[in-house]
Amino acid sequence: MSWSFVSRFIAVKSLILPIGVCLTLGGCSSRQLYYGGQAWRQSLCRESMGDDRTRCQSENRKSYDEHQREKAATND
């Protein structure tokens, strides 16, 4: 998956304001931040083609609870 600097910048730029506001106001939980990041990754997946798109989307289907369980298992 090859991303040009411009497309990466545009994708990241669209998240900076919501995440910045969220962190500034202190109203976001780690779950909300996780799902925000996951939505951003899914938007990048939609720009991919063929097998890269399928692989990318399948890697990003993990729920927050699954992510937390895997994170806890690796910390043990």
PDB file of N, CA and C in Angstrom:
ATOM      1  N   MET A   1       0.854  -1.151   0.000  1.00  0.00           N
ATOM      2  CA  MET A   1       0.000   0.000   0.000  1.00  0.00           C
ATOM      3  C   MET A   1       0.909   1.226   0.000  1.00  0.00           C
ATOM      4  N   SER A   2       0.889   1.963  -1.057  1.00  0.00           N
ATOM      5  CA  SER A   2       1.760   3.114  -1.207  1.00  0.00           C
ATOM      6  C   SER A   2       0.938   4.392  -1.127  1.00  0.00           C
ATOM      7  N   TRP A   3       1.290   5.235  -0.171  1.00  0.00           N
ATOM      8  CA  TRP A   3       0.569   6.493   0.021  1.00  0.00           C
ATOM      9  C   TRP A   3       1.516   7.639  -0.265  1.00  0.00           C
ATOM     10  N   SER A   4       1.036   8.593  -1.045  1.00  0.00           N
ATOM     11  CA  SER A   4       1.839   9.783  -1.271  1.00  0.00           C
ATOM     12  C   SER A   4       1.755  10.671  -0.030  1.00  0.00           C
ATOM     13  N   PHE A   5       2.689  11.563   0.081  1.00  0.00           N
ATOM     14  CA  PHE A   5       2.710  12.470   1.230  1.00  0.00           C
ATOM     15  C   PHE A   5       1.426  13.286   1.301  1.00  0.00           C
ATOM     16  N   VAL A   6       0.950  13.748   0.161  1.00  0.00           N
ATOM     17  CA  VAL A   6      -0.241  14.597   0.129  1.00  0.00           C
ATOM     18  C   VAL A   6      -1.462  13.840   0.618  1.00  0.00           C
ATOM     19  N   SER A   7      -1.665  12.608   0.160  1.00  0.00           N
ATOM     20  CA  SER A   7      -2.846  11.852   0.590  1.00  0.00           C
ATOM     21  C   SER A   7      -2.772  11.516   2.075  1.00  0.00           C
ATOM     22  N   ARG A   8      -1.589  11.229   2.585  1.00  0.00           N
ATOM     23  CA  ARG A   8      -1.437  10.978   4.024  1.00  0.00           C
ATOM     24  C   ARG A   8      -1.732  12.250   4.825  1.00  0.00           C
ATOM     25  N   PHE A   9      -1.232  13.376   4.334  1.00  0.00           N
ATOM     26  CA  PHE A   9      -1.448  14.642   5.021  1.00  0.00           C
ATOM     27  C   PHE A   9      -2.934  14.975   5.089  1.00  0.00           C
ATOM     28  N   ILE A  10      -3.637  14.783   3.991  1.00  0.00           N
ATOM     29  CA  ILE A  10      -5.074  15.071   3.957  1.00  0.00           C
ATOM     30  C   ILE A  10      -5.812  14.152   4.916  1.00  0.00           C
ATOM     31  N   ALA A  11      -5.457  12.882   4.945  1.00  0.00           N
ATOM     32  CA  ALA A  11      -6.120  11.934   5.836  1.00  0.00           C
ATOM     33  C   ALA A  11      -5.862  12.285   7.300  1.00  0.00           C
ATOM     34  N   VAL A  12      -4.641  12.625   7.626  1.00  0.00           N
ATOM     35  CA  VAL A  12      -4.297  12.971   9.008  1.00  0.00           C
ATOM     36  C   VAL A  12      -4.921  14.310   9.392  1.00  0.00           C
ATOM     37  N   LYS A  13      -4.924  15.246   8.468  1.00  0.00           N
ATOM     38  CA  LYS A  13      -5.473  16.570   8.725  1.00  0.00           C
ATOM     39  C   LYS A  13      -6.949  16.488   9.127  1.00  0.00           C
ATOM     40  N   SER A  14      -7.684  15.551   8.533  1.00  0.00           N
ATOM     41  CA  SER A  14      -9.105  15.433   8.842  1.00  0.00           C
ATOM     42  C   SER A  14      -9.344  14.934  10.263  1.00  0.00           C
ATOM     43  N   LEU A  15      -8.340  14.360  10.910  1.00  0.00           N
ATOM     44  CA  LEU A  15      -8.488  13.873  12.281  1.00  0.00           C
ATOM     45  C   LEU A  15      -7.915  14.805  13.335  1.00  0.00           C
ATOM     46  N   ILE A  16      -7.050  15.695  12.936  1.00  0.00           N
ATOM     47  CA  ILE A  16      -6.369  16.538  13.905  1.00  0.00           C
ATOM     48  C   ILE A  16      -7.345  17.385  14.710  1.00  0.00           C
ATOM     49  N   LEU A  17      -8.267  18.055  14.055  1.00  0.00           N
ATOM     50  CA  LEU A  17      -9.199  18.927  14.768  1.00  0.00           C
ATOM     51  C   LEU A  17     -10.095  18.155  15.735  1.00  0.00           C
ATOM     52  N   PRO A  18     -10.795  17.079  15.291  1.00  0.00           N
ATOM     53  CA  PRO A  18     -11.655  16.373  16.253  1.00  0.00           C
ATOM     54  C   PRO A  18     -10.888  15.783  17.437  1.00  0.00           C
ATOM     55  N   ILE A  19      -9.730  15.209  17.178  1.00  0.00           N
ATOM     56  CA  ILE A  19      -8.947  14.621  18.274  1.00  0.00           C
ATOM     57  C   ILE A  19      -8.405  15.723  19.177  1.00  0.00           C
ATOM     58  N   GLY A  20      -7.961  16.819  18.583  1.00  0.00           N
ATOM     59  CA  GLY A  20      -7.458  17.928  19.383  1.00  0.00           C
ATOM     60  C   GLY A  20      -8.531  18.514  20.290  1.00  0.00           C
ATOM     61  N   VAL A  21      -9.711  18.712  19.733  1.00  0.00           N
ATOM     62  CA  VAL A  21     -10.826  19.230  20.541  1.00  0.00           C
ATOM     63  C   VAL A  21     -11.171  18.247  21.644  1.00  0.00           C
ATOM     64  N   CYS A  22     -11.226  16.980  21.288  1.00  0.00           N
ATOM     65  CA  CYS A  22     -11.582  15.937  22.244  1.00  0.00           C
ATOM     66  C   CYS A  22     -10.578  15.901  23.400  1.00  0.00           C
ATOM     67  N   LEU A  23      -9.315  15.933  23.087  1.00  0.00           N
ATOM     68  CA  LEU A  23      -8.293  15.889  24.130  1.00  0.00           C
ATOM     69  C   LEU A  23      -8.282  17.171  24.958  1.00  0.00           C
ATOM     70  N   THR A  24      -8.517  18.293  24.314  1.00  0.00           N
ATOM     71  CA  THR A  24      -8.530  19.567  25.020  1.00  0.00           C
ATOM     72  C   THR A  24      -9.675  19.627  26.023  1.00  0.00           C
ATOM     73  N   LEU A  25     -10.817  19.174  25.604  1.00  0.00           N
ATOM     74  CA  LEU A  25     -11.978  19.213  26.483  1.00  0.00           C
ATOM     75  C   LEU A  25     -11.970  18.074  27.490  1.00  0.00           C
ATOM     76  N   GLY A  26     -11.167  17.076  27.253  1.00  0.00           N
ATOM     77  CA  GLY A  26     -11.064  15.959  28.181  1.00  0.00           C
ATOM     78  C   GLY A  26     -12.276  15.051  28.179  1.00  0.00           C
ATOM     79  N   GLY A  27     -13.093  15.143  27.146  1.00  0.00           N
ATOM     80  CA  GLY A  27     -14.329  14.370  27.120  1.00  0.00           C
ATOM     81  C   GLY A  27     -14.234  13.046  26.407  1.00  0.00           C
ATOM     82  N   CYS A  28     -13.103  12.706  25.866  1.00  0.00           N
ATOM     83  CA  CYS A  28     -12.988  11.464  25.118  1.00  0.00           C
ATOM     84  C   CYS A  28     -12.423  10.356  25.990  1.00  0.00           C
ATOM     85  N   SER A  29     -13.057   9.228  25.919  1.00  0.00           N
ATOM     86  CA  SER A  29     -12.520   8.055  26.597  1.00  0.00           C
ATOM     87  C   SER A  29     -11.533   7.381  25.659  1.00  0.00           C
ATOM     88  N   SER A  30     -10.778   6.446  26.173  1.00  0.00           N
ATOM     89  CA  SER A  30      -9.849   5.712  25.314  1.00  0.00           C
ATOM     90  C   SER A  30     -10.625   4.905  24.280  1.00  0.00           C
ATOM     91  N   ARG A  31     -11.837   4.464  24.635  1.00  0.00           N
ATOM     92  CA  ARG A  31     -12.680   3.742  23.674  1.00  0.00           C
ATOM     93  C   ARG A  31     -13.047   4.644  22.499  1.00  0.00           C
ATOM     94  N   GLN A  32     -13.410   5.887  22.764  1.00  0.00           N
ATOM     95  CA  GLN A  32     -13.772   6.816  21.693  1.00  0.00           C
ATOM     96  C   GLN A  32     -12.562   7.128  20.815  1.00  0.00           C
ATOM     97  N   LEU A  33     -11.417   7.304  21.436  1.00  0.00           N
ATOM     98  CA  LEU A  33     -10.203   7.542  20.653  1.00  0.00           C
ATOM     99  C   LEU A  33      -9.865   6.334  19.788  1.00  0.00           C
ATOM    100  N   TYR A  34     -10.042   5.126  20.333  1.00  0.00           N
ATOM    101  CA  TYR A  34      -9.776   3.909  19.571  1.00  0.00           C
ATOM    102  C   TYR A  34     -10.672   3.856  18.334  1.00  0.00           C
ATOM    103  N   TYR A  35     -11.972   4.081  18.531  1.00  0.00           N
ATOM    104  CA  TYR A  35     -12.899   4.013  17.405  1.00  0.00           C
ATOM    105  C   TYR A  35     -12.678   5.155  16.413  1.00  0.00           C
ATOM    106  N   GLY A  36     -12.235   6.303  16.880  1.00  0.00           N
ATOM    107  CA  GLY A  36     -11.880   7.389  15.969  1.00  0.00           C
ATOM    108  C   GLY A  36     -10.701   7.021  15.089  1.00  0.00           C
ATOM    109  N   GLY A  37      -9.688   6.419  15.697  1.00  0.00           N
ATOM    110  CA  GLY A  37      -8.532   5.951  14.924  1.00  0.00           C
ATOM    111  C   GLY A  37      -8.902   4.838  13.968  1.00  0.00           C
ATOM    112  N   GLN A  38      -9.796   3.968  14.401  1.00  0.00           N
ATOM    113  CA  GLN A  38     -10.234   2.872  13.544  1.00  0.00           C
ATOM    114  C   GLN A  38     -11.015   3.418  12.337  1.00  0.00           C
ATOM    115  N   ALA A  39     -11.833   4.432  12.543  1.00  0.00           N
ATOM    116  CA  ALA A  39     -12.575   5.040  11.432  1.00  0.00           C
ATOM    117  C   ALA A  39     -11.608   5.675  10.434  1.00  0.00           C
ATOM    118  N   TRP A  40     -10.556   6.295  10.952  1.00  0.00           N
ATOM    119  CA  TRP A  40      -9.552   6.886  10.068  1.00  0.00           C
ATOM    120  C   TRP A  40      -8.858   5.801   9.246  1.00  0.00           C
ATOM    121  N   ARG A  41      -8.484   4.694   9.901  1.00  0.00           N
ATOM    122  CA  ARG A  41      -7.836   3.600   9.169  1.00  0.00           C
ATOM    123  C   ARG A  41      -8.767   3.016   8.118  1.00  0.00           C
ATOM    124  N   GLN A  42     -10.061   2.913   8.433  1.00  0.00           N
ATOM    125  CA  GLN A  42     -11.021   2.403   7.454  1.00  0.00           C
ATOM    126  C   GLN A  42     -11.121   3.340   6.254  1.00  0.00           C
ATOM    127  N   SER A  43     -11.030   4.639   6.488  1.00  0.00           N
ATOM    128  CA  SER A  43     -11.075   5.574   5.357  1.00  0.00           C
ATOM    129  C   SER A  43      -9.848   5.392   4.460  1.00  0.00           C
ATOM    130  N   LEU A  44      -8.713   5.075   5.076  1.00  0.00           N
ATOM    131  CA  LEU A  44      -7.519   4.783   4.276  1.00  0.00           C
ATOM    132  C   LEU A  44      -7.694   3.473   3.509  1.00  0.00           C
ATOM    133  N   CYS A  45      -8.352   2.501   4.119  1.00  0.00           N
ATOM    134  CA  CYS A  45      -8.600   1.220   3.449  1.00  0.00           C
ATOM    135  C   CYS A  45      -9.453   1.415   2.200  1.00  0.00           C
ATOM    136  N   ARG A  46     -10.435   2.308   2.281  1.00  0.00           N
ATOM    137  CA  ARG A  46     -11.322   2.534   1.136  1.00  0.00           C
ATOM    138  C   ARG A  46     -10.568   3.082  -0.066  1.00  0.00           C
ATOM    139  N   GLU A  47      -9.421   3.699   0.173  1.00  0.00           N
ATOM    140  CA  GLU A  47      -8.618   4.220  -0.930  1.00  0.00           C
ATOM    141  C   GLU A  47      -7.753   3.140  -1.568  1.00  0.00           C
ATOM    142  N   SER A  48      -7.608   2.000  -0.914  1.00  0.00           N
ATOM    143  CA  SER A  48      -6.796   0.906  -1.443  1.00  0.00           C
ATOM    144  C   SER A  48      -7.567   0.139  -2.507  1.00  0.00           C
ATOM    145  N   MET A  49      -6.856  -0.714  -3.213  1.00  0.00           N
ATOM    146  CA  MET A  49      -7.471  -1.504  -4.274  1.00  0.00           C
ATOM    147  C   MET A  49      -7.246  -2.994  -4.048  1.00  0.00           C
ATOM    148  N   GLY A  50      -8.192  -3.801  -4.492  1.00  0.00           N
ATOM    149  CA  GLY A  50      -8.049  -5.245  -4.543  1.00  0.00           C
ATOM    150  C   GLY A  50      -7.736  -5.909  -3.223  1.00  0.00           C
ATOM    151  N   ASP A  51      -6.707  -6.778  -3.252  1.00  0.00           N
ATOM    152  CA  ASP A  51      -6.331  -7.556  -2.074  1.00  0.00           C
ATOM    153  C   ASP A  51      -5.864  -6.678  -0.913  1.00  0.00           C
ATOM    154  N   ASP A  52      -5.191  -5.573  -1.236  1.00  0.00           N
ATOM    155  CA  ASP A  52      -4.757  -4.657  -0.180  1.00  0.00           C
ATOM    156  C   ASP A  52      -5.952  -4.108   0.584  1.00  0.00           C
ATOM    157  N   ARG A  53      -7.004  -3.795  -0.142  1.00  0.00           N
ATOM    158  CA  ARG A  53      -8.211  -3.253   0.492  1.00  0.00           C
ATOM    159  C   ARG A  53      -8.861  -4.305   1.392  1.00  0.00           C
ATOM    160  N   THR A  54      -8.989  -5.524   0.896  1.00  0.00           N
ATOM    161  CA  THR A  54      -9.597  -6.604   1.667  1.00  0.00           C
ATOM    162  C   THR A  54      -8.798  -6.895   2.924  1.00  0.00           C
ATOM    163  N   ARG A  55      -7.479  -6.982   2.790  1.00  0.00           N
ATOM    164  CA  ARG A  55      -6.610  -7.246   3.931  1.00  0.00           C
ATOM    165  C   ARG A  55      -6.702  -6.123   4.949  1.00  0.00           C
ATOM    166  N   CYS A  56      -6.657  -4.904   4.477  1.00  0.00           N
ATOM    167  CA  CYS A  56      -6.718  -3.739   5.350  1.00  0.00           C
ATOM    168  C   CYS A  56      -8.032  -3.716   6.134  1.00  0.00           C
ATOM    169  N   GLN A  57      -9.125  -3.963   5.470  1.00  0.00           N
ATOM    170  CA  GLN A  57     -10.424  -3.936   6.143  1.00  0.00           C
ATOM    171  C   GLN A  57     -10.552  -5.068   7.149  1.00  0.00           C
ATOM    172  N   SER A  58     -10.034  -6.243   6.820  1.00  0.00           N
ATOM    173  CA  SER A  58     -10.136  -7.361   7.762  1.00  0.00           C
ATOM    174  C   SER A  58      -9.277  -7.129   8.998  1.00  0.00           C
ATOM    175  N   GLU A  59      -8.167  -6.420   8.858  1.00  0.00           N
ATOM    176  CA  GLU A  59      -7.306  -6.119  10.000  1.00  0.00           C
ATOM    177  C   GLU A  59      -7.934  -5.083  10.927  1.00  0.00           C
ATOM    178  N   ASN A  60      -8.876  -4.322  10.427  1.00  0.00           N
ATOM    179  CA  ASN A  60      -9.459  -3.229  11.206  1.00  0.00           C
ATOM    180  C   ASN A  60     -10.869  -3.513  11.701  1.00  0.00           C
ATOM    181  N   ARG A  61     -11.238  -4.762  11.809  1.00  0.00           N
ATOM    182  CA  ARG A  61     -12.572  -5.113  12.290  1.00  0.00           C
ATOM    183  C   ARG A  61     -12.601  -5.396  13.790  1.00  0.00           C
ATOM    184  N   LYS A  62     -11.495  -5.283  14.445  1.00  0.00           N
ATOM    185  CA  LYS A  62     -11.383  -5.634  15.856  1.00  0.00           C
ATOM    186  C   LYS A  62     -12.114  -4.604  16.727  1.00  0.00           C
ATOM    187  N   SER A  63     -12.941  -5.097  17.642  1.00  0.00           N
ATOM    188  CA  SER A  63     -13.638  -4.195  18.557  1.00  0.00           C
ATOM    189  C   SER A  63     -12.659  -3.702  19.619  1.00  0.00           C
ATOM    190  N   TYR A  64     -13.076  -2.677  20.333  1.00  0.00           N
ATOM    191  CA  TYR A  64     -12.242  -2.127  21.401  1.00  0.00           C
ATOM    192  C   TYR A  64     -11.993  -3.177  22.485  1.00  0.00           C
ATOM    193  N   ASP A  65     -13.040  -3.943  22.823  1.00  0.00           N
ATOM    194  CA  ASP A  65     -12.895  -4.978  23.856  1.00  0.00           C
ATOM    195  C   ASP A  65     -11.899  -6.062  23.435  1.00  0.00           C
ATOM    196  N   GLU A  66     -11.948  -6.466  22.149  1.00  0.00           N
ATOM    197  CA  GLU A  66     -10.969  -7.449  21.649  1.00  0.00           C
ATOM    198  C   GLU A  66      -9.561  -6.864  21.726  1.00  0.00           C
ATOM    199  N   HIS A  67      -9.440  -5.607  21.343  1.00  0.00           N
ATOM    200  CA  HIS A  67      -8.141  -4.925  21.398  1.00  0.00           C
ATOM    201  C   HIS A  67      -7.597  -4.912  22.830  1.00  0.00           C
ATOM    202  N   GLN A  68      -8.458  -4.602  23.800  1.00  0.00           N
ATOM    203  CA  GLN A  68      -8.041  -4.561  25.200  1.00  0.00           C
ATOM    204  C   GLN A  68      -7.614  -5.942  25.694  1.00  0.00           C
ATOM    205  N   ARG A  69      -8.346  -6.990  25.304  1.00  0.00           N
ATOM    206  CA  ARG A  69      -7.977  -8.350  25.710  1.00  0.00           C
ATOM    207  C   ARG A  69      -6.609  -8.738  25.151  1.00  0.00           C
ATOM    208  N   GLU A  70      -6.378  -8.422  23.865  1.00  0.00           N
ATOM    209  CA  GLU A  70      -5.074  -8.732  23.261  1.00  0.00           C
ATOM    210  C   GLU A  70      -3.963  -7.917  23.921  1.00  0.00           C
ATOM    211  N   LYS A  71      -4.249  -6.691  24.231  1.00  0.00           N
ATOM    212  CA  LYS A  71      -3.257  -5.831  24.879  1.00  0.00           C
ATOM    213  C   LYS A  71      -2.902  -6.374  26.264  1.00  0.00           C
ATOM    214  N   ALA A  72      -3.918  -6.812  27.006  1.00  0.00           N
ATOM    215  CA  ALA A  72      -3.687  -7.378  28.338  1.00  0.00           C
ATOM    216  C   ALA A  72      -2.896  -8.686  28.255  1.00  0.00           C
ATOM    217  N   ALA A  73      -3.186  -9.483  27.228  1.00  0.00           N
ATOM    218  CA  ALA A  73      -2.497 -10.771  27.075  1.00  0.00           C
ATOM    219  C   ALA A  73      -1.024 -10.560  26.748  1.00  0.00           C
ATOM    220  N   THR A  74      -0.696  -9.525  25.992  1.00  0.00           N
ATOM    221  CA  THR A  74       0.707  -9.290  25.659  1.00  0.00           C
ATOM    222  C   THR A  74       1.469  -8.681  26.829  1.00  0.00           C
ATOM    223  N   ASN A  75       0.761  -8.041  27.752  1.00  0.00           N
ATOM    224  CA  ASN A  75       1.407  -7.445  28.929  1.00  0.00           C
ATOM    225  C   ASN A  75       1.675  -8.477  30.024  1.00  0.00           C
ATOM    226  N   ASP A  76       1.053  -9.635  29.928  1.00  0.00           N
ATOM    227  CA  ASP A  76       1.254 -10.683  30.945  1.00  0.00           C
ATOM    228  C   ASP A  76       2.545 -11.433  30.762  1.00  0.00           C
TER     229      ASP A  76
END
